[in-house]
């Protein structure tokens, strides 16, 4: 089914399926999703009027530019079926995402904001009477505990421990959640993250494999100057932090705060940089390499004021931002606020709302963090003895981030079935656009990917594991029906790049009965080409297979033609044709009985076997 986007106020062209309030420039406007049947048969004049109405009254849901040209050249309806989704442009995907998020009622807009006489903006549905709880003595001590960071799964609490007169000054501590839900004793993370310098953590990745720490470290693990560094989890602790080289980085402030997005490729910074409005401002920087980042860009006037904006925390949904500010109207000198990212520019945000007087008061609140399920938040504020402590609070629905989908699994060596330390990346299947990356636990081979449910619901994307000496293996993940969040378990099995091994190309696609390679196949085929380029002595055979449906001779020919199509793709990209042969086996070599649609799908495959290494 196709859906059409209509704004109330345009001609009524049929029964509306859904009314959706969309925030932004025109909060009073609504969107109606109409079926293609209701749009069919309308005159060009009617369609043009509807397009112009969208352009004139609600251009904000589209990227900047000439909307007339956009509507003249692009699809102006919104496909909702998975089969059509793969054909969408980047603009269309952004529109669909905004509508999905709006359908959840998740974006903050003027229709659900209450403004107090003092000018404080609060969620209209905010429930009062929330109770703050000071974490137990296993976490809080007579010293100062601050910089609370909770992992996406809520299992780890990272904090900064400071004690007067301590030689170390500040140290990084970690507490683990016990099976009964309580927090175990916070313990120092140890060397090399803790040393005789001032040590503090600012963020931890969604997969818990990367920790962002303050200051720049040298190869011996000593602090050599201000800035940020990242440390990877090791078998028995953490590796020496590697400096994060942020292009054009400049911070005139006395400290830096930051958080890394769940995708691991975006950093939100609190610095006093060029163009800062006042005090610290929030900036965004994008990953450009393993340890390099782009020039920070100011998040803009909606977020930043002429005073202080600091301690950003990006929730696991990748869109909900919590931060502390003294410039937005609040209850104390530093309150916690919430805003939501409206597009992929990272400079368009909903107007921040205050988290309310149950969380904010005149004591000042900072270092606010919340786990992926959104049920409990953690923050720093003074305790009974006046020292800084870590507190928690159960969140009402109005303050909960968007639902997320967690994909967890283990990467194995397919020959030995032992866990492998690998890199894991996930991308949109239709065009290979990267969505995020991470690494496995070096000892257990486990990985975690967290994505916003509204961003992937009904879509198909791939996850890929890579490790030295193995062919990169991809698998597809279907998230239909998970708009409210959930968890998917998916293990990946890496094939050693050795003679005699057969490796399936999981994400190679053809239309039924045809052998033209579909564009969704290009990312996997490009990785195959890269492997052949990197191992110039490799000789392989491409094999095509079908299920048992249809004529045997036709299946044999179809499998051969598909194998030849894959070979031709590699040859056209420069691989010596003498290194690749192509064979078709039809239905002769099933890997499972052809007893169900699922099994037949498994038997319809393209794979390659490493014949020898020259």
Protein backbone atom coordinates (compact mmCIF):
# COMPACT_ATOMS: atom_id res chain seq x y z
CA UNK A 1 0.00 0.00 0.00
CA UNK A 2 1.14 3.52 -0.73
CA UNK A 3 0.25 6.45 1.50
CA UNK A 4 -0.21 10.08 0.57
CA UNK A 5 0.65 13.06 2.73
CA UNK A 6 -1.98 15.78 3.04
CA UNK A 7 -2.14 18.80 5.30
CA UNK A 8 -5.44 19.82 6.82
CA UNK A 9 -6.50 22.88 4.87
CA UNK A 10 -5.84 21.28 1.48
CA UNK A 11 -8.83 19.96 -0.47
CA UNK A 12 -10.42 16.96 1.18
CA UNK A 13 -9.71 14.07 -1.15
CA UNK A 14 -10.94 11.10 0.84
CA UNK A 15 -11.21 9.43 4.19
CA UNK A 16 -8.16 9.99 6.38
CA UNK A 17 -6.56 6.87 7.83
CA UNK A 18 -4.48 8.63 10.48
CA UNK A 19 -4.28 12.14 11.92
CA UNK A 20 -0.79 12.99 13.12
CA UNK A 21 0.26 16.09 15.02
CA UNK A 22 3.67 17.19 13.81
CA UNK A 23 5.82 19.65 15.78
CA UNK A 24 7.75 22.51 14.36
CA UNK A 25 7.11 25.74 12.60
CA UNK A 26 3.32 25.24 12.38
CA UNK A 27 2.29 23.28 15.49
CA UNK A 28 -1.40 23.71 14.72
CA UNK A 29 -1.07 21.76 11.46
CA UNK A 30 -1.80 18.06 11.18
CA UNK A 31 -0.80 15.47 8.64
CA UNK A 32 -3.20 13.01 7.11
CA UNK A 33 -2.05 9.75 5.63
CA UNK A 34 -4.31 8.70 2.75
CA UNK A 35 -4.20 5.43 0.87
CA UNK A 36 -3.20 5.34 -2.77
CA UNK A 37 -6.76 4.34 -3.69
CA UNK A 38 -8.05 7.59 -2.23
CA UNK A 39 -5.50 9.60 -4.21
CA UNK A 40 -6.01 7.70 -7.48
CA UNK A 41 -7.91 9.55 -10.19
CA UNK A 42 -7.31 13.03 -8.82
CA UNK A 43 -6.58 15.72 -11.37
CA UNK A 44 -3.13 17.21 -11.81
CA UNK A 45 -4.53 20.52 -10.57
CA UNK A 46 -5.71 18.91 -7.33
CA UNK A 47 -2.39 17.18 -6.81
CA UNK A 48 -0.47 20.39 -7.50
CA UNK A 49 -2.64 22.26 -5.01
CA UNK A 50 -1.94 19.64 -2.36
CA UNK A 51 1.78 19.78 -3.05
CA UNK A 52 1.78 23.56 -2.84
CA UNK A 53 -0.15 23.41 0.43
CA UNK A 54 2.51 21.18 1.95
CA UNK A 55 5.23 23.46 0.64
CA UNK A 56 3.59 26.65 1.86
CA UNK A 57 2.42 25.53 5.27
CA UNK A 58 4.74 22.77 6.41
CA UNK A 59 8.02 22.97 4.59
CA UNK A 60 9.88 22.25 7.83
CA UNK A 61 9.47 18.50 7.51
CA UNK A 62 11.61 18.57 4.37
CA UNK A 63 15.28 19.57 4.07
CA UNK A 64 15.91 23.20 3.07
CA UNK A 65 15.82 23.99 -0.61
CA UNK A 66 13.44 24.64 -3.44
CA UNK A 67 10.38 22.56 -2.57
CA UNK A 68 8.77 23.20 -5.94
CA UNK A 69 11.70 21.54 -7.70
CA UNK A 70 11.61 18.73 -5.18
CA UNK A 71 7.96 17.96 -5.81
CA UNK A 72 8.50 18.19 -9.55
CA UNK A 73 11.22 15.56 -9.56
CA UNK A 74 10.65 13.34 -6.52
CA UNK A 75 8.01 11.03 -5.17
CA UNK A 76 5.53 13.07 -3.14
CA UNK A 77 3.65 10.14 -1.65
CA UNK A 78 5.02 8.14 1.26
CA UNK A 79 5.43 4.40 0.61
CA UNK A 80 4.80 2.33 3.73
CA UNK A 81 5.52 -1.19 2.54
CA UNK A 82 8.95 -2.75 2.98
CA UNK A 83 9.13 -3.69 -0.71
CA UNK A 84 8.91 -0.04 -1.70
CA UNK A 85 11.04 1.33 1.15
CA UNK A 86 14.25 0.15 -0.52
CA UNK A 87 13.59 2.55 -3.44
CA UNK A 88 13.28 5.69 -1.32
CA UNK A 89 15.50 8.72 -1.51
CA UNK A 90 17.22 10.21 1.54
CA UNK A 91 14.61 12.98 1.68
CA UNK A 92 11.74 10.50 1.63
CA UNK A 93 13.31 8.46 4.43
CA UNK A 94 13.62 11.56 6.60
CA UNK A 95 9.95 12.36 6.05
CA UNK A 96 8.84 8.84 6.95
CA UNK A 97 10.97 8.88 10.08
CA UNK A 98 9.49 12.17 11.25
CA UNK A 99 5.96 10.88 10.71
CA UNK A 100 6.71 7.62 12.55
CA UNK A 101 8.15 9.54 15.48
CA UNK A 102 5.19 11.93 15.47
CA UNK A 103 2.76 8.99 15.45
CA UNK A 104 4.34 7.84 18.70
CA UNK A 105 3.58 11.25 20.17
CA UNK A 106 7.22 11.44 21.08
CA UNK A 107 8.42 14.77 19.75
CA UNK A 108 8.09 17.74 22.05
CA UNK A 109 5.92 20.48 20.52
CA UNK A 110 3.86 23.42 21.65
CA UNK A 111 0.68 21.35 21.78
CA UNK A 112 1.98 19.31 24.71
CA UNK A 113 4.02 21.91 26.57
CA UNK A 114 2.85 23.90 29.60
CA UNK A 115 4.52 27.23 30.37
CA UNK A 116 4.50 28.38 34.01
CA UNK A 117 4.09 32.05 34.98
CA UNK A 118 7.86 32.14 35.44
CA UNK A 119 8.33 31.09 31.82
CA UNK A 120 9.44 27.54 32.60
CA UNK A 121 8.51 25.10 29.82
CA UNK A 122 7.25 21.75 31.13
CA UNK A 123 5.78 18.68 29.40
CA UNK A 124 2.02 19.09 29.74
CA UNK A 125 1.62 15.45 30.80
CA UNK A 126 4.41 15.60 33.37
CA UNK A 127 3.37 13.73 36.51
CA UNK A 128 4.37 15.31 39.81
CA UNK A 129 5.46 13.64 43.01
CA UNK A 130 8.54 11.91 41.61
CA UNK A 131 10.84 10.66 44.34
CA UNK A 132 14.61 11.06 44.13
CA UNK A 133 16.66 8.33 45.79
CA UNK A 134 20.26 8.61 46.88
CA UNK A 135 22.16 5.54 45.74
CA UNK A 136 23.40 3.31 48.59
CA UNK A 137 26.79 3.37 50.27
CA UNK A 138 28.05 0.80 47.77
CA UNK A 139 28.17 3.75 45.35
CA UNK A 140 28.14 6.93 47.46
CA UNK A 141 30.78 7.68 50.11
CA UNK A 142 31.80 10.74 52.17
CA UNK A 143 33.89 11.74 49.13
CA UNK A 144 32.46 13.36 45.98
CA UNK A 145 30.83 11.10 43.38
CA UNK A 146 29.84 12.79 40.11
CA UNK A 147 29.80 12.37 36.31
CA UNK A 148 27.23 9.56 36.51
CA UNK A 149 27.15 7.60 33.22
CA UNK A 150 24.84 4.61 32.80
CA UNK A 151 25.31 2.08 30.02
CA UNK A 152 22.50 1.55 27.50
CA UNK A 153 21.53 -1.78 29.05
CA UNK A 154 21.51 -0.26 32.55
CA UNK A 155 24.08 -2.79 33.79
CA UNK A 156 27.04 -0.45 34.37
CA UNK A 157 27.34 2.83 36.24
CA UNK A 158 30.52 4.79 35.55
CA UNK A 159 31.33 7.68 37.88
CA UNK A 160 34.13 9.99 38.94
CA UNK A 161 35.38 9.67 42.52
CA UNK A 162 37.11 12.65 44.14
CA UNK A 163 38.57 12.84 47.64
CA UNK A 164 40.36 15.77 49.24
CA UNK A 165 44.04 15.12 49.74
CA UNK A 166 44.08 12.16 47.37
CA UNK A 167 47.33 11.82 45.42
CA UNK A 168 45.37 10.75 42.36
CA UNK A 169 42.98 13.71 42.63
CA UNK A 170 40.17 12.08 40.66
CA UNK A 171 39.64 8.47 39.66
CA UNK A 172 37.18 6.58 37.47
CA UNK A 173 35.01 4.03 39.28
CA UNK A 174 32.55 1.44 37.92
CA UNK A 175 29.62 -0.20 39.70
CA UNK A 176 27.79 -3.23 38.28
CA UNK A 177 24.11 -3.96 38.74
CA UNK A 178 23.53 -7.21 40.62
CA UNK A 179 20.95 -9.86 39.76
CA UNK A 180 18.59 -8.55 42.42
CA UNK A 181 18.60 -5.11 40.77
CA UNK A 182 20.77 -3.38 43.36
CA UNK A 183 24.14 -1.79 42.69
CA UNK A 184 27.30 -3.61 43.69
CA UNK A 185 30.27 -1.86 45.23
CA UNK A 186 31.83 0.81 43.01
CA UNK A 187 35.46 -0.05 42.37
CA UNK A 188 38.32 1.83 40.70
CA UNK A 189 38.71 0.94 37.04
CA UNK A 190 42.48 0.63 37.52
CA UNK A 191 45.40 1.43 35.26
CA UNK A 192 45.85 2.71 32.63
CA UNK A 193 42.67 4.83 32.94
CA UNK A 194 43.52 5.74 36.52
CA UNK A 195 46.98 7.13 37.26
CA UNK A 196 48.51 10.01 39.22
CA UNK A 197 46.74 12.59 37.10
CA UNK A 198 43.14 13.81 37.32
CA UNK A 199 41.12 11.06 35.62
CA UNK A 200 37.47 11.19 34.67
CA UNK A 201 35.11 9.50 32.21
CA UNK A 202 32.66 11.49 30.08
CA UNK A 203 30.81 8.80 28.09
CA UNK A 204 30.55 5.07 27.40
CA UNK A 205 29.41 3.54 24.11
CA UNK A 206 26.13 1.64 23.83
CA UNK A 207 28.00 -1.66 23.51
CA UNK A 208 30.14 -0.84 26.59
CA UNK A 209 33.30 -1.47 24.59
CA UNK A 210 34.52 2.15 24.31
CA UNK A 211 34.96 4.70 27.09
CA UNK A 212 35.54 8.39 26.36
CA UNK A 213 37.77 9.96 29.01
CA UNK A 214 38.95 13.48 29.70
CA UNK A 215 42.42 14.64 28.65
CA UNK A 216 44.84 13.38 26.03
CA UNK A 217 47.04 10.40 26.86
CA UNK A 218 50.41 9.40 25.39
CA UNK A 219 51.45 5.86 24.44
CA UNK A 220 52.68 5.26 28.00
CA UNK A 221 49.29 6.08 29.49
CA UNK A 222 50.19 9.48 30.94
CA UNK A 223 48.10 12.63 30.57
CA UNK A 224 49.84 15.08 28.23
CA UNK A 225 47.24 17.82 27.86
CA UNK A 226 43.57 18.80 27.71
CA UNK A 227 41.10 17.25 25.31
CA UNK A 228 39.51 13.81 24.98
CA UNK A 229 40.73 10.26 24.48
CA UNK A 230 38.99 6.94 23.85
CA UNK A 231 39.83 3.60 25.44
CA UNK A 232 38.82 0.15 24.22
CA UNK A 233 37.87 -2.68 26.54
CA UNK A 234 40.57 -5.34 26.81
CA UNK A 235 40.49 -8.94 28.06
CA UNK A 236 41.35 -7.88 31.59
CA UNK A 237 40.42 -4.19 31.77
CA UNK A 238 40.95 -1.29 29.39
CA UNK A 239 43.62 -0.39 26.85
CA UNK A 240 45.67 2.80 27.05
CA UNK A 241 43.44 5.68 25.84
CA UNK A 242 44.07 6.97 22.33
CA UNK A 243 43.78 10.75 21.74
CA UNK A 244 40.70 11.83 19.79
CA UNK A 245 41.90 14.20 17.09
CA UNK A 246 39.01 16.65 16.59
CA UNK A 247 39.63 18.97 13.64
CA UNK A 248 39.84 22.61 14.68
CA UNK A 249 39.20 21.72 18.33
CA UNK A 250 39.38 24.76 20.58
CA UNK A 251 38.15 24.96 24.15
CA UNK A 252 38.65 28.10 26.19
CA UNK A 253 36.63 26.67 29.08
CA UNK A 254 38.06 25.02 32.21
CA UNK A 255 36.67 21.56 31.31
CA UNK A 256 35.10 19.53 28.50
CA UNK A 257 32.01 17.34 28.69
CA UNK A 258 30.86 15.04 25.91
CA UNK A 259 28.75 12.05 24.98
CA UNK A 260 29.01 9.60 22.11
CA UNK A 261 25.94 8.62 20.08
CA UNK A 262 24.77 4.98 20.09
CA UNK A 263 26.00 4.76 16.49
CA UNK A 264 29.55 5.51 17.72
CA UNK A 265 30.06 8.01 14.91
CA UNK A 266 28.73 11.27 16.40
CA UNK A 267 30.05 13.20 19.39
CA UNK A 268 28.16 15.93 21.28
CA UNK A 269 30.58 18.27 23.06
CA UNK A 270 30.25 20.93 25.75
CA UNK A 271 33.07 23.39 25.10
CA UNK A 272 33.79 27.10 24.84
CA UNK A 273 34.68 27.11 21.17
CA UNK A 274 34.54 29.59 18.29
CA UNK A 275 31.10 31.17 18.12
CA UNK A 276 30.11 30.14 21.64
CA UNK A 277 27.04 32.11 22.82
CA UNK A 278 28.20 32.23 26.44
CA UNK A 279 29.95 29.88 28.84
CA UNK A 280 29.99 26.37 27.42
CA UNK A 281 27.88 25.62 24.35
CA UNK A 282 26.90 22.25 22.90
CA UNK A 283 28.53 21.25 19.62
CA UNK A 284 28.39 18.23 17.30
CA UNK A 285 31.37 16.48 15.71
CA UNK A 286 31.26 13.49 13.34
CA UNK A 287 33.69 10.62 13.07
CA UNK A 288 35.95 10.82 10.01
CA UNK A 289 38.33 7.97 10.87
CA UNK A 290 39.25 5.52 13.61
CA UNK A 291 40.43 8.33 15.90
CA UNK A 292 39.65 11.48 13.90
CA UNK A 293 36.59 13.75 14.08
CA UNK A 294 35.20 16.68 12.12
CA UNK A 295 35.27 20.34 13.13
CA UNK A 296 32.67 20.89 15.90
CA UNK A 297 29.46 22.62 14.77
CA UNK A 298 27.35 24.62 17.22
CA UNK A 299 23.93 23.03 17.86
CA UNK A 300 22.32 26.45 17.43
CA UNK A 301 20.21 28.98 19.30
CA UNK A 302 17.38 26.59 20.17
CA UNK A 303 19.76 24.68 22.48
CA UNK A 304 22.48 27.19 23.36
CA UNK A 305 21.92 30.43 25.26
CA UNK A 306 24.08 33.30 26.46
CA UNK A 307 24.86 31.32 29.61
CA UNK A 308 26.01 27.77 30.35
CA UNK A 309 25.00 24.56 28.50
CA UNK A 310 26.87 21.49 29.64
CA UNK A 311 26.97 17.76 30.50
CA UNK A 312 25.12 16.48 27.41
CA UNK A 313 23.72 12.96 27.42
CA UNK A 314 22.30 11.44 24.24
CA UNK A 315 19.80 8.68 25.02
CA UNK A 316 19.99 5.26 23.40
CA UNK A 317 17.42 6.31 20.79
CA UNK A 318 20.03 8.66 19.32
CA UNK A 319 17.49 11.52 19.18
CA UNK A 320 16.66 12.52 22.76
CA UNK A 321 19.20 14.90 24.27
CA UNK A 322 19.41 15.72 27.97
CA UNK A 323 21.68 18.55 29.10
CA UNK A 324 22.13 21.01 31.94
CA UNK A 325 21.66 24.75 31.41
CA UNK A 326 21.66 27.97 33.37
CA UNK A 327 20.28 29.93 30.41
CA UNK A 328 16.84 28.36 29.87
CA UNK A 329 14.18 29.23 32.47
CA UNK A 330 14.39 26.87 35.42
CA UNK A 331 14.28 26.30 39.15
CA UNK A 332 17.94 26.71 40.05
CA UNK A 333 21.31 27.84 38.82
CA UNK A 334 21.69 24.70 36.69
CA UNK A 335 18.68 22.64 35.57
CA UNK A 336 18.37 19.54 33.39
CA UNK A 337 16.46 19.93 30.11
CA UNK A 338 15.29 17.64 27.33
CA UNK A 339 15.18 18.23 23.57
CA UNK A 340 14.71 16.00 20.53
CA UNK A 341 16.67 16.01 17.29
CA UNK A 342 14.40 16.77 14.33
CA UNK A 343 16.63 15.69 11.43
CA UNK A 344 20.07 14.38 10.56
CA UNK A 345 21.71 17.80 10.43
CA UNK A 346 22.18 17.68 14.24
CA UNK A 347 21.47 21.42 14.32
CA UNK A 348 17.66 21.23 14.26
CA UNK A 349 16.12 20.55 17.68
CA UNK A 350 12.79 20.87 19.45
CA UNK A 351 12.61 23.73 21.97
CA UNK A 352 13.96 22.28 25.25
CA UNK A 353 11.62 21.46 28.12
CA UNK A 354 12.55 21.56 31.79
CA UNK A 355 12.40 18.18 33.58
CA UNK A 356 10.40 19.75 36.38
CA UNK A 357 10.81 20.61 40.08
CA UNK A 358 10.95 16.99 41.23
CA UNK A 359 14.30 16.69 39.45
CA UNK A 360 15.53 20.30 39.34
CA UNK A 361 15.97 22.58 42.35
CA UNK A 362 18.19 25.40 43.55
CA UNK A 363 21.01 22.94 44.37
CA UNK A 364 21.96 22.55 40.70
CA UNK A 365 21.72 19.33 38.70
CA UNK A 366 24.15 17.92 36.16
CA UNK A 367 25.49 14.71 34.62
CA UNK A 368 22.01 13.37 33.90
CA UNK A 369 21.92 9.89 32.27
CA UNK A 370 19.21 7.34 31.49
CA UNK A 371 19.34 3.70 30.33
CA UNK A 372 17.73 2.50 27.09
CA UNK A 373 14.49 1.34 28.71
CA UNK A 374 13.97 4.88 30.01
CA UNK A 375 12.65 3.77 33.38
CA UNK A 376 15.31 5.27 35.67
CA UNK A 377 17.59 8.30 35.38
CA UNK A 378 20.78 9.06 37.30
CA UNK A 379 22.30 12.45 38.09
CA UNK A 380 24.62 14.25 40.49
CA UNK A 381 23.63 16.62 43.27
CA UNK A 382 24.73 17.28 46.87
CA UNK A 383 23.97 14.63 49.48
CA UNK A 384 23.12 14.96 53.19
CA UNK A 385 26.72 15.75 54.14
CA UNK A 386 27.15 18.35 51.40
CA UNK A 387 29.39 16.22 49.18
CA UNK A 388 28.32 15.37 45.63
CA UNK A 389 26.42 12.09 45.35
CA UNK A 390 24.73 9.99 42.66
CA UNK A 391 20.93 9.98 42.76
CA UNK A 392 18.27 8.12 40.82
CA UNK A 393 14.65 8.81 39.95
CA UNK A 394 11.96 6.74 38.26
CA UNK A 395 10.81 8.58 35.17
CA UNK A 396 7.23 9.33 34.10
CA UNK A 397 6.24 8.70 30.49
CA UNK A 398 6.64 12.39 29.59
CA UNK A 399 10.41 12.19 30.19
CA UNK A 400 11.13 8.77 28.70
CA UNK A 401 13.27 8.59 25.51
CA UNK A 402 11.91 6.96 22.36
CA UNK A 403 11.65 3.14 22.26
CA UNK A 404 14.73 1.28 21.03
CA UNK A 405 15.52 -2.03 19.40
CA UNK A 406 18.57 -3.86 20.71
CA UNK A 407 20.31 -6.39 18.49
CA UNK A 408 22.59 -8.64 20.50
CA UNK A 409 24.65 -11.66 19.56
CA UNK A 410 28.04 -13.31 19.43
CA UNK A 411 30.58 -13.48 16.61
CA UNK A 412 32.03 -16.97 16.17
CA UNK A 413 34.72 -18.63 14.08
CA UNK A 414 32.60 -20.91 11.90
CA UNK A 415 35.34 -23.56 11.80
CA UNK A 416 36.08 -23.76 15.53
CA UNK A 417 32.86 -22.20 16.92
CA UNK A 418 34.99 -20.12 19.27
CA UNK A 419 34.21 -16.43 19.93
CA UNK A 420 36.08 -13.91 17.80
CA UNK A 421 37.12 -10.35 18.63
CA UNK A 422 35.65 -8.46 15.68
CA UNK A 423 34.39 -5.14 14.42
CA UNK A 424 30.63 -4.93 13.93
CA UNK A 425 28.91 -2.44 11.63
CA UNK A 426 25.30 -1.99 10.62
CA UNK A 427 23.95 -0.27 7.55
CA UNK A 428 20.82 0.33 5.54
CA UNK A 429 20.48 -2.49 3.06
CA UNK A 430 19.00 -0.52 0.18
CA UNK A 431 21.95 1.82 -0.35
CA UNK A 432 24.66 0.66 2.06
CA UNK A 433 24.50 3.86 4.11
CA UNK A 434 26.36 3.27 7.41
CA UNK A 435 24.14 3.56 10.49
CA UNK A 436 26.65 2.75 13.20
CA UNK A 437 29.50 0.55 14.35
CA UNK A 438 31.05 -1.10 17.37
CA UNK A 439 33.29 -3.94 18.50
CA UNK A 440 32.74 -7.26 20.21
CA UNK A 441 33.83 -8.08 23.70
CA UNK A 442 37.43 -9.25 23.14
CA UNK A 443 37.02 -12.28 25.41
CA UNK A 444 33.44 -13.38 24.75
CA UNK A 445 32.82 -12.15 21.19
CA UNK A 446 29.48 -10.61 22.20
CA UNK A 447 28.10 -7.42 20.64
CA UNK A 448 25.21 -5.01 21.20
CA UNK A 449 23.62 -2.63 18.70
CA UNK A 450 20.96 -0.14 19.82
CA UNK A 451 18.77 1.77 17.35
CA UNK A 452 15.63 3.89 17.65
CA UNK A 453 12.58 1.70 17.03
CA UNK A 454 10.82 4.35 14.93
CA UNK A 455 13.88 4.63 12.72
CA UNK A 456 14.02 0.95 11.74
CA UNK A 457 10.46 -0.34 12.15
CA UNK A 458 9.37 -2.10 8.98
CA UNK A 459 12.79 -1.66 7.37
CA UNK A 460 15.53 -4.15 6.63
CA UNK A 461 19.15 -3.47 7.46
CA UNK A 462 22.27 -5.57 7.66
CA UNK A 463 24.81 -6.22 10.37
CA UNK A 464 28.35 -7.13 9.42
CA UNK A 465 31.27 -8.60 11.33
CA UNK A 466 34.90 -8.15 10.24
CA UNK A 467 38.12 -9.56 11.69
CA UNK A 468 41.66 -10.10 10.43
CA UNK A 469 41.98 -13.36 8.51
CA UNK A 470 38.23 -13.76 7.92
CA UNK A 471 35.84 -12.87 5.14
CA UNK A 472 33.38 -10.19 6.36
CA UNK A 473 30.01 -11.81 7.03
CA UNK A 474 26.70 -9.94 6.77
CA UNK A 475 23.23 -10.88 7.85
CA UNK A 476 19.89 -9.13 7.49
CA UNK A 477 17.66 -7.94 10.31
CA UNK A 478 13.93 -7.37 9.82
CA UNK A 479 12.33 -5.11 12.42
CA UNK A 480 8.67 -5.10 11.39
CA UNK A 481 6.26 -4.75 14.28
CA UNK A 482 8.90 -3.42 16.70
CA UNK A 483 7.86 0.23 16.79
CA UNK A 484 7.48 -0.10 20.58
CA UNK A 485 10.96 -1.54 20.93
CA UNK A 486 12.32 -4.96 21.79
CA UNK A 487 15.35 -7.19 21.39
CA UNK A 488 16.61 -9.33 18.52
CA UNK A 489 19.21 -12.05 18.97
CA UNK A 490 21.47 -12.69 15.97
CA UNK A 491 24.80 -14.56 15.98
CA UNK A 492 27.35 -14.12 13.19
CA UNK A 493 29.74 -16.84 11.98
CA UNK A 494 32.96 -15.66 10.36
CA UNK A 495 34.56 -17.92 7.77
CA UNK A 496 38.37 -18.14 7.81
CA UNK A 497 39.84 -17.03 4.50
CA UNK A 498 41.54 -20.39 3.88
CA UNK A 499 41.57 -22.91 1.05
CA UNK A 500 38.57 -25.18 1.01
CA UNK A 501 36.26 -22.89 2.95
CA UNK A 502 32.86 -22.07 1.45
CA UNK A 503 31.37 -18.69 2.29
CA UNK A 504 27.80 -17.61 1.63
CA UNK A 505 27.08 -14.13 0.30
CA UNK A 506 24.05 -13.47 2.48
CA UNK A 507 22.98 -10.17 1.00
CA UNK A 508 23.01 -10.85 -2.73
CA UNK A 509 19.54 -10.42 -4.24
CA UNK A 510 17.77 -11.08 -7.55
CA UNK A 511 14.23 -10.71 -8.76
CA UNK A 512 12.25 -13.95 -8.96
CA UNK A 513 13.37 -16.02 -11.94
CA UNK A 514 16.00 -13.44 -12.99
CA UNK A 515 19.74 -13.03 -12.62
CA UNK A 516 20.24 -9.28 -12.76
CA UNK A 517 21.98 -8.30 -9.52
CA UNK A 518 19.80 -5.87 -7.53
CA UNK A 519 21.36 -2.69 -6.06
CA UNK A 520 20.81 -3.94 -2.50
CA UNK A 521 23.52 -6.52 -3.28
CA UNK A 522 26.26 -3.99 -4.01
CA UNK A 523 27.60 -3.52 -0.45
CA UNK A 524 28.20 -7.27 0.02
CA UNK A 525 29.65 -7.66 -3.47
CA UNK A 526 31.94 -4.68 -2.93
CA UNK A 527 33.30 -6.35 0.20
CA UNK A 528 33.92 -9.51 -1.83
CA UNK A 529 35.87 -7.43 -4.36
CA UNK A 530 37.84 -5.76 -1.56
CA UNK A 531 38.80 -9.17 -0.17
CA UNK A 532 39.97 -10.32 -3.61
CA UNK A 533 42.02 -7.13 -3.98
CA UNK A 534 43.57 -7.56 -0.54
CA UNK A 535 44.47 -11.21 -1.15
CA UNK A 536 45.79 -11.19 -4.75
CA UNK A 537 46.73 -14.88 -4.65
CA UNK A 538 43.21 -16.08 -3.94
CA UNK A 539 41.37 -18.20 -6.55
CA UNK A 540 37.67 -18.82 -5.95
CA UNK A 541 34.63 -20.50 -7.46
CA UNK A 542 31.27 -18.72 -7.41
CA UNK A 543 28.38 -21.18 -7.02
CA UNK A 544 24.68 -20.54 -7.58
CA UNK A 545 21.93 -22.67 -5.97
CA UNK A 546 18.13 -22.77 -6.15
CA UNK A 547 15.32 -24.53 -4.29
CA UNK A 548 13.31 -27.42 -5.78
CA UNK A 549 10.43 -25.32 -7.15
CA UNK A 550 10.14 -25.38 -10.94
CA UNK A 551 11.80 -27.21 -13.81
CA UNK A 552 15.18 -28.82 -13.05
CA UNK A 553 16.82 -27.58 -16.24
CA UNK A 554 15.51 -24.05 -15.72
CA UNK A 555 16.79 -24.03 -12.15
CA UNK A 556 20.20 -25.23 -13.29
CA UNK A 557 20.43 -22.44 -15.86
CA UNK A 558 19.15 -19.83 -13.40
CA UNK A 559 21.76 -20.78 -10.80
CA UNK A 560 24.55 -20.67 -13.40
CA UNK A 561 23.49 -17.27 -14.71
CA UNK A 562 23.35 -15.82 -11.20
CA UNK A 563 26.84 -17.12 -10.43
CA UNK A 564 28.08 -15.61 -13.70
CA UNK A 565 26.44 -12.28 -12.82
CA UNK A 566 28.36 -12.15 -9.54
CA UNK A 567 31.60 -13.08 -11.33
CA UNK A 568 30.98 -10.37 -13.92
CA UNK A 569 30.44 -7.78 -11.16
CA UNK A 570 33.89 -8.55 -9.72
CA UNK A 571 35.61 -8.65 -13.11
CA UNK A 572 34.14 -5.27 -14.09
CA UNK A 573 35.70 -3.86 -10.93
CA UNK A 574 39.16 -5.00 -11.84
CA UNK A 575 39.50 -8.55 -10.54
CA UNK A 576 41.48 -10.82 -12.89
CA UNK A 577 38.93 -13.14 -14.55
CA UNK A 578 41.36 -16.07 -14.27
CA UNK A 579 40.91 -15.93 -10.49
CA UNK A 580 37.15 -16.54 -10.55
CA UNK A 581 35.11 -19.37 -12.04
CA UNK A 582 31.33 -19.66 -11.97
CA UNK A 583 29.22 -22.81 -11.58
CA UNK A 584 25.50 -23.47 -11.24
CA UNK A 585 24.14 -26.42 -9.29
CA UNK A 586 20.42 -25.75 -9.45
CA UNK A 587 18.59 -27.68 -6.74
CA UNK A 588 21.22 -30.43 -6.46
CA UNK A 589 22.94 -29.25 -3.29
CA UNK A 590 20.38 -28.10 -0.69
CA UNK A 591 21.72 -27.24 2.76
CA UNK A 592 18.36 -28.04 4.39
CA UNK A 593 15.32 -30.03 3.19
CA UNK A 594 13.03 -28.04 0.88
CA UNK A 595 10.18 -28.57 3.33
CA UNK A 596 9.07 -25.00 4.06
CA UNK A 597 9.27 -21.48 2.60
CA UNK A 598 11.98 -20.63 5.14
CA UNK A 599 14.07 -23.65 4.14
CA UNK A 600 13.65 -22.93 0.44
CA UNK A 601 14.88 -19.41 1.04
CA UNK A 602 17.99 -20.81 2.73
CA UNK A 603 18.66 -23.06 -0.27
CA UNK A 604 18.37 -20.16 -2.74
CA UNK A 605 21.86 -18.79 -2.33
CA UNK A 606 25.10 -17.63 -3.91
CA UNK A 607 28.36 -18.62 -2.27
CA UNK A 608 32.02 -18.85 -3.10
CA UNK A 609 34.60 -21.50 -2.30
CA UNK A 610 38.29 -20.67 -1.89
CA UNK A 611 40.01 -23.09 -4.26
CA UNK A 612 43.59 -22.17 -3.57
CA UNK A 613 46.01 -19.40 -2.73
CA UNK A 614 48.64 -18.73 -5.38
